[in-house]
Amino acid sequence: MIGLLLGKFKLYAAALGAVVVAVGWAFLKGRRGAIKEAEWKRLTEYKDTRKRMDDVEIVTDADDAREWLRQRSE
């Protein structure tokens, strides 16, 4: 009788262990995906910002710079 109870206990413990491992694996996989997605977003934003910085027209005349600022604020 005790052997039967210990056998069922081992079965339940193994099932519970499998569930814990499966949930932990899914959590870690999701976390890894979120980290990769955040890094991708950060790099994309950096690329877009860098492109805007490189496309800026350089103005050496102060009057032209003021006029550009006035037009930009409208």
Protein backbone atom coordinates (compact mmCIF):
# COMPACT_ATOMS: atom_id res chain seq x y z
CA MET A 1 0.00 0.00 0.00
CA ILE A 2 2.80 2.44 0.90
CA GLY A 3 4.65 1.50 -2.28
CA LEU A 4 1.56 2.37 -4.35
CA LEU A 5 1.28 5.78 -2.65
CA LEU A 6 4.97 6.51 -3.21
CA GLY A 7 4.61 5.51 -6.86
CA LYS A 8 1.71 7.94 -7.34
CA PHE A 9 3.62 10.63 -5.46
CA LYS A 10 6.60 10.21 -7.80
CA LEU A 11 4.28 10.40 -10.80
CA TYR A 12 2.65 13.60 -9.54
CA ALA A 13 6.04 15.10 -8.66
CA ALA A 14 7.35 14.32 -12.13
CA ALA A 15 4.26 15.86 -13.75
CA LEU A 16 4.55 18.97 -11.60
CA GLY A 17 8.24 19.22 -12.44
CA ALA A 18 7.47 18.98 -16.15
CA VAL A 19 4.89 21.76 -15.87
CA VAL A 20 7.32 24.00 -13.98
CA VAL A 21 10.03 23.40 -16.58
CA ALA A 22 7.61 24.11 -19.46
CA VAL A 23 6.38 27.36 -17.89
CA GLY A 24 9.95 28.46 -17.11
CA TRP A 25 11.10 27.68 -20.64
CA ALA A 26 8.18 29.65 -22.16
CA PHE A 27 8.90 32.60 -19.84
CA LEU A 28 12.58 32.71 -20.76
CA LYS A 29 11.85 32.37 -24.47
CA GLY A 30 9.36 35.25 -24.28
CA ARG A 31 11.78 37.39 -22.33
CA ARG A 32 14.53 36.73 -24.87
CA GLY A 33 12.15 37.72 -27.67
CA ALA A 34 11.21 40.94 -25.89
CA ILE A 35 14.87 41.84 -25.43
CA LYS A 36 15.60 41.24 -29.11
CA GLU A 37 12.56 43.30 -30.12
CA ALA A 38 13.61 46.20 -27.89
CA GLU A 39 17.13 46.12 -29.32
CA TRP A 40 15.74 46.07 -32.88
CA LYS A 41 13.53 49.07 -32.10
CA ARG A 42 16.44 50.97 -30.54
CA LEU A 43 18.67 50.33 -33.55
CA THR A 44 15.91 51.32 -35.98
CA GLU A 45 15.34 54.58 -34.12
CA TYR A 46 19.09 55.24 -34.12
CA LYS A 47 19.25 54.60 -37.87
CA ASP A 48 16.36 57.00 -38.53
CA THR A 49 17.88 59.68 -36.28
CA ARG A 50 21.27 59.28 -37.90
CA LYS A 51 19.71 59.60 -41.37
CA ARG A 52 17.93 62.83 -40.35
CA MET A 53 21.19 64.19 -38.91
CA ASP A 54 23.10 63.38 -42.09
CA ASP A 55 20.42 64.95 -44.31
CA VAL A 56 20.46 68.32 -42.52
CA GLU A 57 21.58 71.20 -44.68
CA ILE A 58 24.54 72.99 -43.11
CA VAL A 59 24.06 76.77 -42.99
CA THR A 60 27.11 78.98 -42.49
CA ASP A 61 25.37 82.35 -42.73
CA ALA A 62 23.63 83.59 -39.56
CA ASP A 63 20.86 85.35 -41.50
CA ASP A 64 20.08 82.18 -43.41
CA ALA A 65 20.02 80.24 -40.13
CA ARG A 66 17.53 82.68 -38.59
CA GLU A 67 15.32 82.48 -41.67
CA TRP A 68 15.44 78.68 -41.52
CA LEU A 69 14.37 78.78 -37.86
CA ARG A 70 11.50 81.14 -38.66
CA GLN A 71 10.28 78.86 -41.44
CA ARG A 72 10.63 75.82 -39.24
CA SER A 73 8.53 77.33 -36.46
CA GLU A 74 5.58 78.03 -38.80
